[in-house]
PDB file of N, CA and C in Angstrom:
ATOM      1  N   MET A   1     -45.041  -5.839 -30.024  1.00  0.00           N
ATOM      2  CA  MET A   1     -43.895  -6.681 -29.816  1.00  0.00           C
ATOM      3  C   MET A   1     -43.622  -6.757 -28.368  1.00  0.00           C
ATOM      4  N   LEU A   2     -43.443  -7.961 -27.891  1.00  0.00           N
ATOM      5  CA  LEU A   2     -43.133  -8.223 -26.473  1.00  0.00           C
ATOM      6  C   LEU A   2     -41.645  -8.549 -26.294  1.00  0.00           C
ATOM      7  N   THR A   3     -41.175  -8.156 -25.121  1.00  0.00           N
ATOM      8  CA  THR A   3     -39.800  -8.427 -24.863  1.00  0.00           C
ATOM      9  C   THR A   3     -39.774  -9.796 -24.074  1.00  0.00           C
ATOM     10  N   SER A   4     -38.609 -10.162 -23.628  1.00  0.00           N
ATOM     11  CA  SER A   4     -38.435 -11.418 -22.971  1.00  0.00           C
ATOM     12  C   SER A   4     -39.145 -11.500 -21.662  1.00  0.00           C
ATOM     13  N   ILE A   5     -39.380 -10.301 -20.995  1.00  0.00           N
ATOM     14  CA  ILE A   5     -39.978 -10.289 -19.671  1.00  0.00           C
ATOM     15  C   ILE A   5     -41.508 -10.052 -19.790  1.00  0.00           C
ATOM     16  N   GLY A   6     -42.013 -10.008 -21.066  1.00  0.00           N
ATOM     17  CA  GLY A   6     -43.483  -9.886 -21.245  1.00  0.00           C
ATOM     18  C   GLY A   6     -44.053  -8.447 -21.264  1.00  0.00           C
ATOM     19  N   ARG A   7     -43.184  -7.462 -21.302  1.00  0.00           N
ATOM     20  CA  ARG A   7     -43.670  -6.073 -21.374  1.00  0.00           C
ATOM     21  C   ARG A   7     -43.444  -5.514 -22.708  1.00  0.00           C
ATOM     22  N   GLU A   8     -44.125  -4.509 -23.058  1.00  0.00           N
ATOM     23  CA  GLU A   8     -43.918  -3.808 -24.355  1.00  0.00           C
ATOM     24  C   GLU A   8     -42.740  -2.967 -24.136  1.00  0.00           C
ATOM     25  N   PRO A   9     -41.875  -2.805 -25.195  1.00  0.00           N
ATOM     26  CA  PRO A   9     -40.700  -1.866 -25.091  1.00  0.00           C
ATOM     27  C   PRO A   9     -41.160  -0.448 -25.053  1.00  0.00           C
ATOM     28  N   LEU A  10     -40.330   0.388 -24.455  1.00  0.00           N
ATOM     29  CA  LEU A  10     -40.703   1.782 -24.339  1.00  0.00           C
ATOM     30  C   LEU A  10     -40.725   2.364 -25.763  1.00  0.00           C
ATOM     31  N   ARG A  11     -41.719   3.168 -26.024  1.00  0.00           N
ATOM     32  CA  ARG A  11     -41.828   3.838 -27.281  1.00  0.00           C
ATOM     33  C   ARG A  11     -40.969   5.107 -27.292  1.00  0.00           C
ATOM     34  N   ARG A  12     -40.288   5.299 -28.396  1.00  0.00           N
ATOM     35  CA  ARG A  12     -39.523   6.523 -28.561  1.00  0.00           C
ATOM     36  C   ARG A  12     -40.272   7.513 -29.500  1.00  0.00           C
ATOM     37  N   TYR A  13     -40.190   8.760 -29.174  1.00  0.00           N
ATOM     38  CA  TYR A  13     -40.808   9.745 -30.064  1.00  0.00           C
ATOM     39  C   TYR A  13     -39.956   9.879 -31.265  1.00  0.00           C
ATOM     40  N   CYS A  14     -40.692  10.018 -32.390  1.00  0.00           N
ATOM     41  CA  CYS A  14     -39.983  10.067 -33.683  1.00  0.00           C
ATOM     42  C   CYS A  14     -39.359  11.439 -33.887  1.00  0.00           C
ATOM     43  N   CYS A  15     -39.909  12.498 -33.253  1.00  0.00           N
ATOM     44  CA  CYS A  15     -39.284  13.847 -33.377  1.00  0.00           C
ATOM     45  C   CYS A  15     -39.117  14.399 -32.018  1.00  0.00           C
ATOM     46  N   PRO A  16     -38.117  15.193 -31.779  1.00  0.00           N
ATOM     47  CA  PRO A  16     -37.873  15.813 -30.448  1.00  0.00           C
ATOM     48  C   PRO A  16     -38.962  16.781 -30.123  1.00  0.00           C
ATOM     49  N   MET A  17     -39.295  16.921 -28.846  1.00  0.00           N
ATOM     50  CA  MET A  17     -40.270  17.866 -28.390  1.00  0.00           C
ATOM     51  C   MET A  17     -39.725  19.299 -28.524  1.00  0.00           C
ATOM     52  N   MET A  18     -40.504  20.148 -28.993  1.00  0.00           N
ATOM     53  CA  MET A  18     -40.028  21.541 -29.203  1.00  0.00           C
ATOM     54  C   MET A  18     -40.046  22.285 -27.851  1.00  0.00           C
ATOM     55  N   ASN A  19     -39.149  23.181 -27.741  1.00  0.00           N
ATOM     56  CA  ASN A  19     -39.126  24.023 -26.528  1.00  0.00           C
ATOM     57  C   ASN A  19     -40.274  25.021 -26.643  1.00  0.00           C
ATOM     58  N   ALA A  20     -41.187  25.029 -25.648  1.00  0.00           N
ATOM     59  CA  ALA A  20     -42.247  25.920 -25.728  1.00  0.00           C
ATOM     60  C   ALA A  20     -41.804  27.256 -24.964  1.00  0.00           C
ATOM     61  N   THR A  21     -42.208  28.325 -25.541  1.00  0.00           N
ATOM     62  CA  THR A  21     -41.936  29.690 -24.909  1.00  0.00           C
ATOM     63  C   THR A  21     -43.078  29.941 -23.866  1.00  0.00           C
ATOM     64  N   VAL A  22     -42.735  30.066 -22.707  1.00  0.00           N
ATOM     65  CA  VAL A  22     -43.694  30.349 -21.571  1.00  0.00           C
ATOM     66  C   VAL A  22     -43.541  31.785 -21.149  1.00  0.00           C
ATOM     67  N   LYS A  23     -44.669  32.441 -21.149  1.00  0.00           N
ATOM     68  CA  LYS A  23     -44.661  33.819 -20.667  1.00  0.00           C
ATOM     69  C   LYS A  23     -45.312  33.908 -19.303  1.00  0.00           C
ATOM     70  N   ILE A  24     -44.555  34.252 -18.237  1.00  0.00           N
ATOM     71  CA  ILE A  24     -45.063  34.330 -16.959  1.00  0.00           C
ATOM     72  C   ILE A  24     -45.504  35.738 -16.590  1.00  0.00           C
ATOM     73  N   ALA A  25     -46.710  35.868 -16.011  1.00  0.00           N
ATOM     74  CA  ALA A  25     -47.224  37.139 -15.599  1.00  0.00           C
ATOM     75  C   ALA A  25     -46.746  37.417 -14.176  1.00  0.00           C
ATOM     76  N   TYR A  26     -45.737  38.213 -13.976  1.00  0.00           N
ATOM     77  CA  TYR A  26     -45.194  38.505 -12.625  1.00  0.00           C
ATOM     78  C   TYR A  26     -46.014  39.508 -11.941  1.00  0.00           C
ATOM     79  N   ASP A  27     -46.022  39.514 -10.677  1.00  0.00           N
ATOM     80  CA  ASP A  27     -46.601  40.535  -9.760  1.00  0.00           C
ATOM     81  C   ASP A  27     -45.700  41.757  -9.816  1.00  0.00           C
ATOM     82  N   VAL A  28     -46.193  42.915 -10.197  1.00  0.00           N
ATOM     83  CA  VAL A  28     -45.351  44.124 -10.204  1.00  0.00           C
ATOM     84  C   VAL A  28     -45.910  45.100  -9.227  1.00  0.00           C
ATOM     85  N   TYR A  29     -45.074  45.615  -8.285  1.00  0.00           N
ATOM     86  CA  TYR A  29     -45.489  46.656  -7.337  1.00  0.00           C
ATOM     87  C   TYR A  29     -44.849  47.977  -7.774  1.00  0.00           C
ATOM     88  N   ARG A  30     -45.603  49.038  -7.504  1.00  0.00           N
ATOM     89  CA  ARG A  30     -45.135  50.424  -7.748  1.00  0.00           C
ATOM     90  C   ARG A  30     -44.846  51.102  -6.389  1.00  0.00           C
ATOM     91  N   GLY A  31     -43.739  51.834  -6.387  1.00  0.00           N
ATOM     92  CA  GLY A  31     -43.400  52.557  -5.166  1.00  0.00           C
ATOM     93  C   GLY A  31     -44.342  53.655  -4.887  1.00  0.00           C
ATOM     94  N   LYS A  32     -44.759  53.929  -3.639  1.00  0.00           N
ATOM     95  CA  LYS A  32     -45.589  55.033  -3.343  1.00  0.00           C
ATOM     96  C   LYS A  32     -44.959  56.383  -3.391  1.00  0.00           C
ATOM     97  N   THR A  33     -43.666  56.407  -2.881  1.00  0.00           N
ATOM     98  CA  THR A  33     -42.987  57.723  -2.841  1.00  0.00           C
ATOM     99  C   THR A  33     -42.400  58.164  -4.213  1.00  0.00           C
ATOM    100  N   ASP A  34     -42.027  57.163  -4.986  1.00  0.00           N
ATOM    101  CA  ASP A  34     -41.541  57.330  -6.353  1.00  0.00           C
ATOM    102  C   ASP A  34     -42.234  56.393  -7.246  1.00  0.00           C
ATOM    103  N   PRO A  35     -43.209  56.857  -7.961  1.00  0.00           N
ATOM    104  CA  PRO A  35     -44.045  55.975  -8.825  1.00  0.00           C
ATOM    105  C   PRO A  35     -43.244  55.342 -10.006  1.00  0.00           C
ATOM    106  N   SER A  36     -42.049  55.773 -10.260  1.00  0.00           N
ATOM    107  CA  SER A  36     -41.252  55.168 -11.382  1.00  0.00           C
ATOM    108  C   SER A  36     -40.568  53.921 -10.891  1.00  0.00           C
ATOM    109  N   LEU A  37     -40.462  53.739  -9.580  1.00  0.00           N
ATOM    110  CA  LEU A  37     -39.771  52.507  -9.026  1.00  0.00           C
ATOM    111  C   LEU A  37     -40.721  51.314  -9.104  1.00  0.00           C
ATOM    112  N   ARG A  38     -40.145  50.148  -9.531  1.00  0.00           N
ATOM    113  CA  ARG A  38     -40.958  48.935  -9.620  1.00  0.00           C
ATOM    114  C   ARG A  38     -40.191  47.778  -8.910  1.00  0.00           C
ATOM    115  N   LEU A  39     -40.970  46.911  -8.394  1.00  0.00           N
ATOM    116  CA  LEU A  39     -40.476  45.647  -7.787  1.00  0.00           C
ATOM    117  C   LEU A  39     -41.297  44.527  -8.326  1.00  0.00           C
ATOM    118  N   ALA A  40     -40.692  43.558  -9.022  1.00  0.00           N
ATOM    119  CA  ALA A  40     -41.445  42.436  -9.594  1.00  0.00           C
ATOM    120  C   ALA A  40     -41.109  41.214  -8.805  1.00  0.00           C
ATOM    121  N   THR A  41     -42.110  40.375  -8.574  1.00  0.00           N
ATOM    122  CA  THR A  41     -41.921  39.047  -7.845  1.00  0.00           C
ATOM    123  C   THR A  41     -42.648  38.026  -8.645  1.00  0.00           C
ATOM    124  N   ALA A  42     -42.382  36.752  -8.229  1.00  0.00           N
ATOM    125  CA  ALA A  42     -43.126  35.667  -8.818  1.00  0.00           C
ATOM    126  C   ALA A  42     -44.592  35.766  -8.525  1.00  0.00           C
ATOM    127  N   PRO A  43     -45.456  35.258  -9.362  1.00  0.00           N
ATOM    128  CA  PRO A  43     -46.895  35.420  -9.089  1.00  0.00           C
ATOM    129  C   PRO A  43     -47.314  34.789  -7.750  1.00  0.00           C
ATOM    130  N   GLY A  44     -47.957  35.642  -6.931  1.00  0.00           N
ATOM    131  CA  GLY A  44     -48.411  35.118  -5.572  1.00  0.00           C
ATOM    132  C   GLY A  44     -47.330  35.014  -4.535  1.00  0.00           C
ATOM    133  N   ALA A  45     -46.111  35.501  -4.787  1.00  0.00           N
ATOM    134  CA  ALA A  45     -45.034  35.393  -3.840  1.00  0.00           C
ATOM    135  C   ALA A  45     -45.042  36.505  -2.763  1.00  0.00           C
ATOM    136  N   ARG A  46     -45.792  37.535  -2.995  1.00  0.00           N
ATOM    137  CA  ARG A  46     -45.789  38.687  -2.080  1.00  0.00           C
ATOM    138  C   ARG A  46     -44.466  39.432  -2.131  1.00  0.00           C
ATOM    139  N   LEU A  47     -44.323  40.410  -1.174  1.00  0.00           N
ATOM    140  CA  LEU A  47     -43.124  41.186  -1.180  1.00  0.00           C
ATOM    141  C   LEU A  47     -42.060  40.540  -0.358  1.00  0.00           C
ATOM    142  N   PRO A  48     -40.784  40.830  -0.719  1.00  0.00           N
ATOM    143  CA  PRO A  48     -39.654  40.231   0.088  1.00  0.00           C
ATOM    144  C   PRO A  48     -39.765  40.745   1.575  1.00  0.00           C
ATOM    145  N   ALA A  49     -39.215  39.976   2.469  1.00  0.00           N
ATOM    146  CA  ALA A  49     -39.227  40.349   3.877  1.00  0.00           C
ATOM    147  C   ALA A  49     -38.588  41.631   4.263  1.00  0.00           C
ATOM    148  N   HIS A  50     -37.497  42.007   3.505  1.00  0.00           N
ATOM    149  CA  HIS A  50     -36.773  43.209   3.846  1.00  0.00           C
ATOM    150  C   HIS A  50     -37.412  44.522   3.292  1.00  0.00           C
ATOM    151  N   VAL A  51     -38.535  44.346   2.652  1.00  0.00           N
ATOM    152  CA  VAL A  51     -39.211  45.519   2.027  1.00  0.00           C
ATOM    153  C   VAL A  51     -40.421  45.847   2.883  1.00  0.00           C
ATOM    154  N   ASN A  52     -40.578  47.164   3.104  1.00  0.00           N
ATOM    155  CA  ASN A  52     -41.763  47.704   3.886  1.00  0.00           C
ATOM    156  C   ASN A  52     -42.999  47.646   2.970  1.00  0.00           C
ATOM    157  N   ALA A  53     -43.929  46.860   3.282  1.00  0.00           N
ATOM    158  CA  ALA A  53     -45.174  46.659   2.503  1.00  0.00           C
ATOM    159  C   ALA A  53     -45.999  47.957   2.328  1.00  0.00           C
ATOM    160  N   LYS A  54     -45.884  48.890   3.327  1.00  0.00           N
ATOM    161  CA  LYS A  54     -46.597  50.119   3.216  1.00  0.00           C
ATOM    162  C   LYS A  54     -46.092  51.046   2.114  1.00  0.00           C
ATOM    163  N   ASP A  55     -44.923  50.822   1.653  1.00  0.00           N
ATOM    164  CA  ASP A  55     -44.290  51.644   0.676  1.00  0.00           C
ATOM    165  C   ASP A  55     -44.589  51.195  -0.797  1.00  0.00           C
ATOM    166  N   TRP A  56     -45.298  50.112  -0.973  1.00  0.00           N
ATOM    167  CA  TRP A  56     -45.499  49.542  -2.325  1.00  0.00           C
ATOM    168  C   TRP A  56     -47.002  49.223  -2.546  1.00  0.00           C
ATOM    169  N   VAL A  57     -47.411  49.345  -3.805  1.00  0.00           N
ATOM    170  CA  VAL A  57     -48.759  49.101  -4.195  1.00  0.00           C
ATOM    171  C   VAL A  57     -48.755  48.123  -5.342  1.00  0.00           C
ATOM    172  N   LEU A  58     -49.514  47.011  -5.276  1.00  0.00           N
ATOM    173  CA  LEU A  58     -49.653  46.050  -6.350  1.00  0.00           C
ATOM    174  C   LEU A  58     -50.325  46.705  -7.558  1.00  0.00           C
ATOM    175  N   MET A  59     -49.745  46.588  -8.683  1.00  0.00           N
ATOM    176  CA  MET A  59     -50.274  47.178  -9.931  1.00  0.00           C
ATOM    177  C   MET A  59     -51.215  46.165 -10.605  1.00  0.00           C
ATOM    178  N   PRO A  60     -52.171  46.603 -11.377  1.00  0.00           N
ATOM    179  CA  PRO A  60     -52.966  45.665 -12.169  1.00  0.00           C
ATOM    180  C   PRO A  60     -52.092  44.941 -13.139  1.00  0.00           C
ATOM    181  N   ALA A  61     -52.493  43.702 -13.473  1.00  0.00           N
ATOM    182  CA  ALA A  61     -51.781  42.850 -14.419  1.00  0.00           C
ATOM    183  C   ALA A  61     -51.641  43.540 -15.773  1.00  0.00           C
ATOM    184  N   GLY A  62     -50.445  43.499 -16.285  1.00  0.00           N
ATOM    185  CA  GLY A  62     -50.157  44.070 -17.602  1.00  0.00           C
ATOM    186  C   GLY A  62     -50.045  45.573 -17.721  1.00  0.00           C
ATOM    187  N   LYS A  63     -50.038  46.293 -16.622  1.00  0.00           N
ATOM    188  CA  LYS A  63     -49.912  47.706 -16.632  1.00  0.00           C
ATOM    189  C   LYS A  63     -48.537  48.288 -16.589  1.00  0.00           C
ATOM    190  N   SER A  64     -47.546  47.448 -16.332  1.00  0.00           N
ATOM    191  CA  SER A  64     -46.148  47.910 -16.249  1.00  0.00           C
ATOM    192  C   SER A  64     -45.236  47.079 -17.067  1.00  0.00           C
ATOM    193  N   PRO A  65     -44.358  47.726 -17.813  1.00  0.00           N
ATOM    194  CA  PRO A  65     -43.359  46.951 -18.542  1.00  0.00           C
ATOM    195  C   PRO A  65     -42.408  46.315 -17.614  1.00  0.00           C
ATOM    196  N   LEU A  66     -41.781  45.193 -18.066  1.00  0.00           N
ATOM    197  CA  LEU A  66     -40.800  44.481 -17.229  1.00  0.00           C
ATOM    198  C   LEU A  66     -39.362  44.828 -17.707  1.00  0.00           C
ATOM    199  N   HIS A  67     -38.460  44.738 -16.868  1.00  0.00           N
ATOM    200  CA  HIS A  67     -37.041  44.903 -17.158  1.00  0.00           C
ATOM    201  C   HIS A  67     -36.631  43.591 -17.922  1.00  0.00           C
ATOM    202  N   SER A  68     -35.756  43.722 -18.871  1.00  0.00           N
ATOM    203  CA  SER A  68     -35.348  42.523 -19.645  1.00  0.00           C
ATOM    204  C   SER A  68     -34.669  41.397 -18.786  1.00  0.00           C
ATOM    205  N   ASP A  69     -34.038  41.741 -17.697  1.00  0.00           N
ATOM    206  CA  ASP A  69     -33.417  40.809 -16.764  1.00  0.00           C
ATOM    207  C   ASP A  69     -34.342  40.284 -15.706  1.00  0.00           C
ATOM    208  N   ALA A  70     -35.572  40.738 -15.649  1.00  0.00           N
ATOM    209  CA  ALA A  70     -36.492  40.408 -14.575  1.00  0.00           C
ATOM    210  C   ALA A  70     -36.694  38.843 -14.422  1.00  0.00           C
ATOM    211  N   PRO A  71     -36.938  38.087 -15.458  1.00  0.00           N
ATOM    212  CA  PRO A  71     -37.117  36.641 -15.227  1.00  0.00           C
ATOM    213  C   PRO A  71     -35.912  36.007 -14.623  1.00  0.00           C
ATOM    214  N   LYS A  72     -34.716  36.404 -15.026  1.00  0.00           N
ATOM    215  CA  LYS A  72     -33.467  35.786 -14.473  1.00  0.00           C
ATOM    216  C   LYS A  72     -33.314  36.208 -13.016  1.00  0.00           C
ATOM    217  N   GLU A  73     -33.476  37.495 -12.701  1.00  0.00           N
ATOM    218  CA  GLU A  73     -33.302  37.929 -11.278  1.00  0.00           C
ATOM    219  C   GLU A  73     -34.351  37.360 -10.377  1.00  0.00           C
ATOM    220  N   ILE A  74     -35.583  37.237 -10.865  1.00  0.00           N
ATOM    221  CA  ILE A  74     -36.662  36.672 -10.011  1.00  0.00           C
ATOM    222  C   ILE A  74     -36.370  35.187  -9.731  1.00  0.00           C
ATOM    223  N   GLY A  75     -35.840  34.576 -10.747  1.00  0.00           N
ATOM    224  CA  GLY A  75     -35.468  33.103 -10.590  1.00  0.00           C
ATOM    225  C   GLY A  75     -34.376  32.922  -9.597  1.00  0.00           C
ATOM    226  N   VAL A  76     -33.407  33.821  -9.509  1.00  0.00           N
ATOM    227  CA  VAL A  76     -32.306  33.667  -8.614  1.00  0.00           C
ATOM    228  C   VAL A  76     -32.598  34.266  -7.263  1.00  0.00           C
ATOM    229  N   GLN A  77     -33.022  35.504  -7.164  1.00  0.00           N
ATOM    230  CA  GLN A  77     -33.247  36.273  -5.959  1.00  0.00           C
ATOM    231  C   GLN A  77     -34.664  36.200  -5.399  1.00  0.00           C
ATOM    232  N   GLY A  78     -35.618  35.976  -6.295  1.00  0.00           N
ATOM    233  CA  GLY A  78     -37.028  35.963  -5.911  1.00  0.00           C
ATOM    234  C   GLY A  78     -37.696  37.321  -6.173  1.00  0.00           C
ATOM    235  N   TYR A  79     -36.917  38.289  -6.557  1.00  0.00           N
ATOM    236  CA  TYR A  79     -37.540  39.641  -6.825  1.00  0.00           C
ATOM    237  C   TYR A  79     -36.568  40.427  -7.749  1.00  0.00           C
ATOM    238  N   CYS A  80     -37.092  41.473  -8.347  1.00  0.00           N
ATOM    239  CA  CYS A  80     -36.284  42.315  -9.232  1.00  0.00           C
ATOM    240  C   CYS A  80     -36.742  43.826  -9.006  1.00  0.00           C
ATOM    241  N   PHE A  81     -35.751  44.643  -8.621  1.00  0.00           N
ATOM    242  CA  PHE A  81     -36.011  46.044  -8.578  1.00  0.00           C
ATOM    243  C   PHE A  81     -35.607  46.665  -9.853  1.00  0.00           C
ATOM    244  N   PHE A  82     -36.457  47.643 -10.418  1.00  0.00           N
ATOM    245  CA  PHE A  82     -36.080  48.408 -11.559  1.00  0.00           C
ATOM    246  C   PHE A  82     -36.816  49.638 -11.607  1.00  0.00           C
ATOM    247  N   GLN A  83     -36.450  50.572 -12.468  1.00  0.00           N
ATOM    248  CA  GLN A  83     -37.069  51.932 -12.563  1.00  0.00           C
ATOM    249  C   GLN A  83     -37.524  52.112 -14.018  1.00  0.00           C
ATOM    250  N   VAL A  84     -38.758  52.592 -14.154  1.00  0.00           N
ATOM    251  CA  VAL A  84     -39.313  52.878 -15.475  1.00  0.00           C
ATOM    252  C   VAL A  84     -38.995  54.262 -15.905  1.00  0.00           C
ATOM    253  N   SER A  85     -38.354  54.435 -17.033  1.00  0.00           N
ATOM    254  CA  SER A  85     -38.120  55.779 -17.538  1.00  0.00           C
ATOM    255  C   SER A  85     -39.088  56.122 -18.622  1.00  0.00           C
ATOM    256  N   LYS A  86     -39.505  57.357 -18.612  1.00  0.00           N
ATOM    257  CA  LYS A  86     -40.510  57.805 -19.586  1.00  0.00           C
ATOM    258  C   LYS A  86     -39.795  58.056 -20.932  1.00  0.00           C
ATOM    259  N   GLY A  87     -40.319  57.356 -21.946  1.00  0.00           N
ATOM    260  CA  GLY A  87     -39.753  57.503 -23.309  1.00  0.00           C
ATOM    261  C   GLY A  87     -40.285  58.753 -23.933  1.00  0.00           C
ATOM    262  N   LYS A  88     -39.493  59.264 -24.878  1.00  0.00           N
ATOM    263  CA  LYS A  88     -39.944  60.540 -25.541  1.00  0.00           C
ATOM    264  C   LYS A  88     -40.376  60.225 -26.930  1.00  0.00           C
TER     265      LYS A  88
END
């Protein structure tokens, strides 16, 4: 069907697009002096400028749990500090 200006009308989707759940793999650093301290950043973002790089070690992907607020804090501040407690 053509409109008066000779173009086809925009097609509308018959059903709304579903919200996809996206899981981002953050870079997680472990503290050298206290191995329970963690600092998470966006992938490839490196450490924040106010942090001494010598005090942190990048952990292998998937080796550290993330704090539940990490995605929100990383989105706002660019990083998230948290501490891992050993479960019994």
